[in-house]
Amino acid sequence: MDDDMKAFWAAVQVDYEGRELTLEAVAMRHGLTVGKLAYAARQLGWARRYLKHLNLENSIKRMFRVLETHLIRLEATEVTMKTESTKEITLLANMCKTLERLIEIDNARPIQKRTGKQGKEMTELTNQLVRRIEKLKRG
């Protein structure tokens, strides 16, 4: 990358990371498309703009949805754990560990900062997942 391009992308980065302009405005100001801007941000390792929107409660919900979707797919294909590939079993185990770890992290937080639905509901969801996984193992 020559010096002119480095200067160009440095100016784009300042606007992008400044968060004063929308992505569309930054792209328009520099003659780029939003897609090209997003691609450059990923490739050049710029700071992500929306990290402030991430929170533990949403992470737990998202992880549960991913796990639920995977279990539904396995149940729909009526494939038992015995015939399922090692890759699928490993993926399912990793997703369960990740969900469990997120719940542990949430439980370790001070009570006033924990997600709203604790205790009974989380235990219920965990037990439901365990029952479904056991059902898949039995075939």
N, C-alpha and C. Protein backbone atom coordinates (compact mmCIF):
# COMPACT_ATOMS: atom_id res chain seq x y z
N MET A 1 0.86 -1.17 0.00
CA MET A 1 0.00 0.00 0.00
C MET A 1 0.91 1.23 0.00
N ASP A 2 0.68 2.12 -0.96
CA ASP A 2 1.53 3.32 -1.03
C ASP A 2 1.10 4.36 0.00
N ASP A 3 1.88 5.43 0.10
CA ASP A 3 1.64 6.45 1.13
C ASP A 3 0.30 7.16 0.97
N ASP A 4 -0.12 7.39 -0.29
CA ASP A 4 -1.41 8.05 -0.52
C ASP A 4 -2.56 7.18 0.00
N MET A 5 -2.48 5.87 -0.27
CA MET A 5 -3.54 4.96 0.19
C MET A 5 -3.54 4.86 1.72
N LYS A 6 -2.34 4.83 2.31
CA LYS A 6 -2.26 4.78 3.77
C LYS A 6 -2.90 6.02 4.39
N ALA A 7 -2.62 7.18 3.79
CA ALA A 7 -3.20 8.43 4.29
C ALA A 7 -4.73 8.42 4.12
N PHE A 8 -5.19 7.92 2.97
CA PHE A 8 -6.62 7.83 2.71
C PHE A 8 -7.31 6.96 3.76
N TRP A 9 -6.78 5.74 3.98
CA TRP A 9 -7.41 4.82 4.92
C TRP A 9 -7.27 5.29 6.36
N ALA A 10 -6.20 6.04 6.65
CA ALA A 10 -6.06 6.62 8.00
C ALA A 10 -7.16 7.65 8.25
N ALA A 11 -7.47 8.45 7.22
CA ALA A 11 -8.53 9.45 7.36
C ALA A 11 -9.89 8.77 7.51
N VAL A 12 -10.10 7.70 6.74
CA VAL A 12 -11.35 6.95 6.84
C VAL A 12 -11.46 6.34 8.24
N GLN A 13 -10.36 5.81 8.75
CA GLN A 13 -10.36 5.19 10.07
C GLN A 13 -10.72 6.20 11.16
N VAL A 14 -10.21 7.40 11.05
CA VAL A 14 -10.52 8.44 12.04
C VAL A 14 -12.02 8.71 12.07
N ASP A 15 -12.62 8.85 10.89
CA ASP A 15 -14.07 9.08 10.83
C ASP A 15 -14.86 7.87 11.33
N TYR A 16 -14.40 6.68 10.94
CA TYR A 16 -15.09 5.45 11.31
C TYR A 16 -15.07 5.24 12.82
N GLU A 17 -13.90 5.37 13.42
CA GLU A 17 -13.77 5.12 14.86
C GLU A 17 -14.26 6.30 15.70
N GLY A 18 -14.42 7.47 15.07
CA GLY A 18 -14.91 8.64 15.79
C GLY A 18 -16.35 8.52 16.20
N ARG A 19 -17.12 7.74 15.48
CA ARG A 19 -18.54 7.45 15.78
C ARG A 19 -19.43 8.69 15.77
N GLU A 20 -18.94 9.78 15.22
CA GLU A 20 -19.78 10.98 15.12
C GLU A 20 -20.67 10.92 13.89
N LEU A 21 -20.23 10.16 12.88
CA LEU A 21 -20.98 10.02 11.64
C LEU A 21 -21.51 8.60 11.53
N THR A 22 -22.61 8.45 10.81
CA THR A 22 -23.13 7.11 10.54
C THR A 22 -22.20 6.44 9.54
N LEU A 23 -22.33 5.13 9.42
CA LEU A 23 -21.52 4.41 8.44
C LEU A 23 -21.77 4.93 7.03
N GLU A 24 -23.03 5.22 6.74
CA GLU A 24 -23.38 5.73 5.42
C GLU A 24 -22.70 7.07 5.16
N ALA A 25 -22.67 7.93 6.17
CA ALA A 25 -22.05 9.25 6.02
C ALA A 25 -20.53 9.12 5.84
N VAL A 26 -19.91 8.23 6.59
CA VAL A 26 -18.46 8.01 6.45
C VAL A 26 -18.16 7.50 5.05
N ALA A 27 -18.94 6.52 4.60
CA ALA A 27 -18.73 5.96 3.27
C ALA A 27 -18.91 7.03 2.19
N MET A 28 -19.97 7.81 2.31
CA MET A 28 -20.24 8.85 1.32
C MET A 28 -19.13 9.89 1.32
N ARG A 29 -18.68 10.30 2.48
CA ARG A 29 -17.64 11.32 2.59
C ARG A 29 -16.36 10.89 1.87
N HIS A 30 -16.06 9.59 1.89
CA HIS A 30 -14.81 9.10 1.32
C HIS A 30 -15.00 8.38 -0.01
N GLY A 31 -16.21 8.43 -0.56
CA GLY A 31 -16.45 7.82 -1.86
C GLY A 31 -16.43 6.30 -1.85
N LEU A 32 -16.89 5.71 -0.77
CA LEU A 32 -16.91 4.26 -0.63
C LEU A 32 -18.35 3.77 -0.49
N THR A 33 -18.52 2.47 -0.64
CA THR A 33 -19.81 1.87 -0.30
C THR A 33 -19.72 1.43 1.16
N VAL A 34 -20.87 1.20 1.78
CA VAL A 34 -20.89 0.75 3.17
C VAL A 34 -20.21 -0.62 3.27
N GLY A 35 -20.44 -1.46 2.28
CA GLY A 35 -19.81 -2.79 2.26
C GLY A 35 -18.30 -2.70 2.19
N LYS A 36 -17.79 -1.84 1.34
CA LYS A 36 -16.34 -1.65 1.22
C LYS A 36 -15.77 -1.11 2.53
N LEU A 37 -16.49 -0.21 3.16
CA LEU A 37 -16.06 0.35 4.44
C LEU A 37 -16.01 -0.74 5.52
N ALA A 38 -17.04 -1.55 5.59
CA ALA A 38 -17.09 -2.63 6.58
C ALA A 38 -15.97 -3.65 6.33
N TYR A 39 -15.74 -3.97 5.06
CA TYR A 39 -14.68 -4.91 4.70
C TYR A 39 -13.32 -4.36 5.12
N ALA A 40 -13.07 -3.08 4.82
CA ALA A 40 -11.80 -2.46 5.17
C ALA A 40 -11.61 -2.44 6.69
N ALA A 41 -12.68 -2.17 7.42
CA ALA A 41 -12.59 -2.13 8.89
C ALA A 41 -12.18 -3.49 9.44
N ARG A 42 -12.75 -4.56 8.88
CA ARG A 42 -12.38 -5.91 9.32
C ARG A 42 -10.94 -6.24 8.93
N GLN A 43 -10.60 -5.95 7.68
CA GLN A 43 -9.27 -6.30 7.17
C GLN A 43 -8.15 -5.52 7.85
N LEU A 44 -8.42 -4.27 8.16
CA LEU A 44 -7.39 -3.41 8.75
C LEU A 44 -7.41 -3.43 10.28
N GLY A 45 -8.34 -4.19 10.85
CA GLY A 45 -8.38 -4.37 12.30
C GLY A 45 -8.81 -3.15 13.09
N TRP A 46 -9.70 -2.35 12.53
CA TRP A 46 -10.18 -1.17 13.24
C TRP A 46 -11.06 -1.59 14.40
N ALA A 47 -11.18 -0.72 15.39
CA ALA A 47 -12.03 -0.98 16.55
C ALA A 47 -13.49 -1.09 16.10
N ARG A 48 -14.19 -2.08 16.64
CA ARG A 48 -15.59 -2.26 16.28
C ARG A 48 -16.41 -1.11 16.85
N ARG A 49 -17.43 -0.72 16.12
CA ARG A 49 -18.23 0.44 16.50
C ARG A 49 -19.30 0.14 17.53
N TYR A 50 -19.80 -1.07 17.58
CA TYR A 50 -20.99 -1.34 18.38
C TYR A 50 -20.76 -2.30 19.54
N LEU A 51 -19.57 -2.35 20.09
CA LEU A 51 -19.31 -3.24 21.21
C LEU A 51 -20.13 -2.88 22.45
N LYS A 52 -20.51 -1.63 22.58
CA LYS A 52 -21.26 -1.22 23.76
C LYS A 52 -22.63 -1.89 23.85
N HIS A 53 -23.12 -2.45 22.74
CA HIS A 53 -24.43 -3.08 22.73
C HIS A 53 -24.40 -4.53 23.19
N LEU A 54 -23.20 -5.06 23.40
CA LEU A 54 -23.09 -6.44 23.84
C LEU A 54 -23.31 -6.51 25.34
N ASN A 55 -24.09 -7.48 25.76
CA ASN A 55 -24.24 -7.69 27.20
C ASN A 55 -24.43 -9.18 27.46
N LEU A 56 -24.22 -9.55 28.69
CA LEU A 56 -24.22 -10.96 29.06
C LEU A 56 -25.57 -11.62 28.85
N GLU A 57 -26.64 -10.91 29.17
CA GLU A 57 -27.98 -11.49 29.01
C GLU A 57 -28.24 -11.85 27.55
N ASN A 58 -27.89 -10.95 26.63
CA ASN A 58 -28.08 -11.24 25.20
C ASN A 58 -27.18 -12.38 24.75
N SER A 59 -25.97 -12.45 25.28
CA SER A 59 -25.06 -13.54 24.92
C SER A 59 -25.63 -14.89 25.35
N ILE A 60 -26.19 -14.95 26.55
CA ILE A 60 -26.79 -16.19 27.03
C ILE A 60 -27.98 -16.58 26.15
N LYS A 61 -28.82 -15.60 25.83
CA LYS A 61 -29.99 -15.88 24.98
C LYS A 61 -29.56 -16.36 23.60
N ARG A 62 -28.56 -15.70 23.02
CA ARG A 62 -28.08 -16.09 21.69
C ARG A 62 -27.49 -17.49 21.71
N MET A 63 -26.69 -17.80 22.73
CA MET A 63 -26.08 -19.12 22.83
C MET A 63 -27.15 -20.18 23.01
N PHE A 64 -28.17 -19.89 23.80
CA PHE A 64 -29.26 -20.85 23.98
C PHE A 64 -29.98 -21.08 22.65
N ARG A 65 -30.23 -20.00 21.89
CA ARG A 65 -30.91 -20.15 20.59
C ARG A 65 -30.09 -21.00 19.63
N VAL A 66 -28.78 -20.80 19.61
CA VAL A 66 -27.91 -21.59 18.74
C VAL A 66 -27.98 -23.06 19.13
N LEU A 67 -27.89 -23.33 20.41
CA LEU A 67 -27.96 -24.70 20.90
C LEU A 67 -29.32 -25.31 20.61
N GLU A 68 -30.37 -24.55 20.83
CA GLU A 68 -31.74 -25.02 20.55
C GLU A 68 -31.92 -25.35 19.07
N THR A 69 -31.43 -24.48 18.20
CA THR A 69 -31.52 -24.71 16.76
C THR A 69 -30.79 -25.98 16.36
N HIS A 70 -29.62 -26.18 16.92
CA HIS A 70 -28.84 -27.37 16.60
C HIS A 70 -29.56 -28.64 17.08
N LEU A 71 -30.12 -28.59 18.28
CA LEU A 71 -30.86 -29.75 18.78
C LEU A 71 -32.10 -30.04 17.94
N ILE A 72 -32.81 -29.00 17.54
CA ILE A 72 -33.99 -29.19 16.70
C ILE A 72 -33.61 -29.85 15.38
N ARG A 73 -32.49 -29.39 14.80
CA ARG A 73 -32.03 -29.98 13.54
C ARG A 73 -31.69 -31.46 13.73
N LEU A 74 -31.02 -31.78 14.82
CA LEU A 74 -30.68 -33.19 15.08
C LEU A 74 -31.94 -34.02 15.30
N GLU A 75 -32.90 -33.48 16.04
CA GLU A 75 -34.15 -34.20 16.28
C GLU A 75 -34.95 -34.38 15.00
N ALA A 76 -34.94 -33.38 14.14
CA ALA A 76 -35.71 -33.44 12.90
C ALA A 76 -35.15 -34.50 11.95
N THR A 77 -33.85 -34.69 11.98
CA THR A 77 -33.26 -35.69 11.09
C THR A 77 -33.31 -37.08 11.68
N GLU A 78 -33.78 -37.17 12.93
CA GLU A 78 -33.90 -38.45 13.63
C GLU A 78 -32.60 -39.24 13.61
N VAL A 79 -31.54 -38.52 13.80
CA VAL A 79 -30.22 -39.14 13.84
C VAL A 79 -29.81 -39.28 15.30
N THR A 80 -29.37 -40.44 15.67
CA THR A 80 -28.94 -40.64 17.05
C THR A 80 -27.50 -40.20 17.21
N MET A 81 -27.09 -40.03 18.45
CA MET A 81 -25.72 -39.63 18.72
C MET A 81 -24.74 -40.71 18.26
N LYS A 82 -25.19 -41.96 18.22
CA LYS A 82 -24.31 -43.05 17.80
C LYS A 82 -23.96 -42.94 16.32
N THR A 83 -24.91 -42.49 15.52
CA THR A 83 -24.64 -42.39 14.08
C THR A 83 -24.17 -41.00 13.67
N GLU A 84 -24.28 -40.05 14.57
CA GLU A 84 -23.86 -38.67 14.25
C GLU A 84 -22.34 -38.60 14.24
N SER A 85 -21.82 -37.75 13.41
CA SER A 85 -20.37 -37.64 13.28
C SER A 85 -19.75 -37.09 14.55
N THR A 86 -18.48 -37.39 14.72
CA THR A 86 -17.73 -36.89 15.88
C THR A 86 -17.72 -35.37 15.89
N LYS A 87 -17.68 -34.79 14.71
CA LYS A 87 -17.66 -33.33 14.60
C LYS A 87 -18.93 -32.73 15.20
N GLU A 88 -20.08 -33.32 14.90
CA GLU A 88 -21.35 -32.83 15.42
C GLU A 88 -21.43 -32.98 16.94
N ILE A 89 -20.95 -34.10 17.44
CA ILE A 89 -20.97 -34.33 18.88
C ILE A 89 -20.06 -33.33 19.59
N THR A 90 -18.88 -33.10 19.03
CA THR A 90 -17.95 -32.14 19.61
C THR A 90 -18.54 -30.74 19.59
N LEU A 91 -19.19 -30.37 18.51
CA LEU A 91 -19.83 -29.07 18.40
C LEU A 91 -20.91 -28.91 19.47
N LEU A 92 -21.74 -29.90 19.63
CA LEU A 92 -22.80 -29.87 20.63
C LEU A 92 -22.21 -29.74 22.04
N ALA A 93 -21.17 -30.50 22.32
CA ALA A 93 -20.52 -30.44 23.64
C ALA A 93 -19.92 -29.06 23.89
N ASN A 94 -19.29 -28.48 22.88
CA ASN A 94 -18.69 -27.15 23.03
C ASN A 94 -19.76 -26.08 23.25
N MET A 95 -20.89 -26.20 22.55
CA MET A 95 -21.96 -25.23 22.74
C MET A 95 -22.53 -25.33 24.16
N CYS A 96 -22.67 -26.55 24.67
CA CYS A 96 -23.17 -26.73 26.04
C CYS A 96 -22.19 -26.13 27.05
N LYS A 97 -20.90 -26.36 26.84
CA LYS A 97 -19.88 -25.80 27.75
C LYS A 97 -19.90 -24.28 27.71
N THR A 98 -20.06 -23.72 26.51
CA THR A 98 -20.09 -22.26 26.38
C THR A 98 -21.30 -21.68 27.11
N LEU A 99 -22.46 -22.29 26.92
CA LEU A 99 -23.66 -21.82 27.61
C LEU A 99 -23.49 -21.93 29.12
N GLU A 100 -22.95 -23.05 29.56
CA GLU A 100 -22.71 -23.25 31.00
C GLU A 100 -21.75 -22.19 31.54
N ARG A 101 -20.71 -21.89 30.80
CA ARG A 101 -19.73 -20.89 31.23
C ARG A 101 -20.36 -19.50 31.30
N LEU A 102 -21.19 -19.15 30.32
CA LEU A 102 -21.87 -17.85 30.35
C LEU A 102 -22.77 -17.73 31.58
N ILE A 103 -23.46 -18.80 31.91
CA ILE A 103 -24.33 -18.79 33.09
C ILE A 103 -23.49 -18.66 34.36
N GLU A 104 -22.34 -19.36 34.41
CA GLU A 104 -21.44 -19.24 35.57
C GLU A 104 -20.94 -17.81 35.72
N ILE A 105 -20.56 -17.19 34.62
CA ILE A 105 -20.08 -15.81 34.66
C ILE A 105 -21.19 -14.89 35.19
N ASP A 106 -22.40 -15.10 34.70
CA ASP A 106 -23.53 -14.28 35.15
C ASP A 106 -23.79 -14.48 36.64
N ASN A 107 -23.72 -15.72 37.10
CA ASN A 107 -23.96 -16.01 38.52
C ASN A 107 -22.87 -15.43 39.42
N ALA A 108 -21.68 -15.25 38.89
CA ALA A 108 -20.57 -14.70 39.67
C ALA A 108 -20.66 -13.18 39.83
N ARG A 109 -21.50 -12.55 39.03
CA ARG A 109 -21.65 -11.09 39.10
C ARG A 109 -22.44 -10.70 40.34
N PRO A 110 -22.27 -9.46 40.80
CA PRO A 110 -23.09 -8.99 41.93
C PRO A 110 -24.58 -9.11 41.59
N ILE A 111 -25.39 -9.39 42.58
CA ILE A 111 -26.82 -9.66 42.36
C ILE A 111 -27.51 -8.56 41.58
N GLN A 112 -27.24 -7.29 41.87
CA GLN A 112 -27.93 -6.20 41.18
C GLN A 112 -27.55 -6.10 39.70
N LYS A 113 -26.43 -6.71 39.29
CA LYS A 113 -26.01 -6.63 37.89
C LYS A 113 -26.35 -7.89 37.10
N ARG A 114 -26.88 -8.90 37.76
CA ARG A 114 -27.20 -10.14 37.07
C ARG A 114 -28.38 -9.93 36.13
N THR A 115 -28.51 -10.85 35.19
CA THR A 115 -29.64 -10.79 34.27
C THR A 115 -30.92 -11.02 35.05
N GLY A 116 -32.01 -10.54 34.52
CA GLY A 116 -33.28 -10.56 35.24
C GLY A 116 -33.83 -11.92 35.59
N LYS A 117 -33.68 -12.90 34.74
CA LYS A 117 -34.33 -14.19 34.95
C LYS A 117 -33.31 -15.20 35.44
N GLN A 118 -33.21 -15.34 36.73
CA GLN A 118 -32.22 -16.21 37.35
C GLN A 118 -32.89 -17.41 37.98
N GLY A 119 -32.04 -18.22 38.56
CA GLY A 119 -32.51 -19.31 39.40
C GLY A 119 -33.35 -20.34 38.71
N LYS A 120 -34.63 -20.35 39.03
CA LYS A 120 -35.54 -21.40 38.58
C LYS A 120 -35.59 -21.51 37.06
N GLU A 121 -35.69 -20.39 36.37
CA GLU A 121 -35.80 -20.43 34.91
C GLU A 121 -34.53 -20.98 34.27
N MET A 122 -33.36 -20.53 34.73
CA MET A 122 -32.10 -21.03 34.18
C MET A 122 -31.96 -22.53 34.45
N THR A 123 -32.33 -22.96 35.65
CA THR A 123 -32.26 -24.37 35.99
C THR A 123 -33.19 -25.17 35.10
N GLU A 124 -34.37 -24.63 34.86
CA GLU A 124 -35.35 -25.28 34.00
C GLU A 124 -34.82 -25.44 32.57
N LEU A 125 -34.22 -24.37 32.03
CA LEU A 125 -33.66 -24.42 30.68
C LEU A 125 -32.52 -25.43 30.60
N THR A 126 -31.66 -25.43 31.60
CA THR A 126 -30.54 -26.37 31.61
C THR A 126 -31.05 -27.80 31.67
N ASN A 127 -32.03 -28.06 32.52
CA ASN A 127 -32.60 -29.40 32.63
C ASN A 127 -33.27 -29.83 31.33
N GLN A 128 -33.94 -28.91 30.67
CA GLN A 128 -34.57 -29.20 29.38
C GLN A 128 -33.52 -29.62 28.36
N LEU A 129 -32.42 -28.88 28.30
CA LEU A 129 -31.34 -29.23 27.37
C LEU A 129 -30.75 -30.60 27.69
N VAL A 130 -30.54 -30.88 28.96
CA VAL A 130 -29.98 -32.17 29.36
C VAL A 130 -30.92 -33.30 28.95
N ARG A 131 -32.23 -33.13 29.17
CA ARG A 131 -33.20 -34.17 28.78
C ARG A 131 -33.18 -34.40 27.27
N ARG A 132 -33.11 -33.33 26.50
CA ARG A 132 -33.12 -33.48 25.04
C ARG A 132 -31.84 -34.15 24.54
N ILE A 133 -30.71 -33.80 25.13
CA ILE A 133 -29.45 -34.42 24.73
C ILE A 133 -29.46 -35.90 25.09
N GLU A 134 -29.96 -36.24 26.28
CA GLU A 134 -30.06 -37.64 26.68
C GLU A 134 -30.98 -38.41 25.73
N LYS A 135 -32.08 -37.79 25.32
CA LYS A 135 -33.00 -38.42 24.38
C LYS A 135 -32.30 -38.71 23.06
N LEU A 136 -31.49 -37.75 22.59
CA LEU A 136 -30.74 -37.96 21.36
C LEU A 136 -29.71 -39.08 21.52
N LYS A 137 -29.09 -39.17 22.67
CA LYS A 137 -28.10 -40.22 22.92
C LYS A 137 -28.74 -41.60 22.86
N ARG A 138 -29.96 -41.70 23.42
CA ARG A 138 -30.66 -42.99 23.42
C ARG A 138 -31.16 -43.37 22.05
N GLY A 139 -31.42 -42.36 21.23
CA GLY A 139 -31.91 -42.63 19.88
C GLY A 139 -33.34 -42.74 19.89
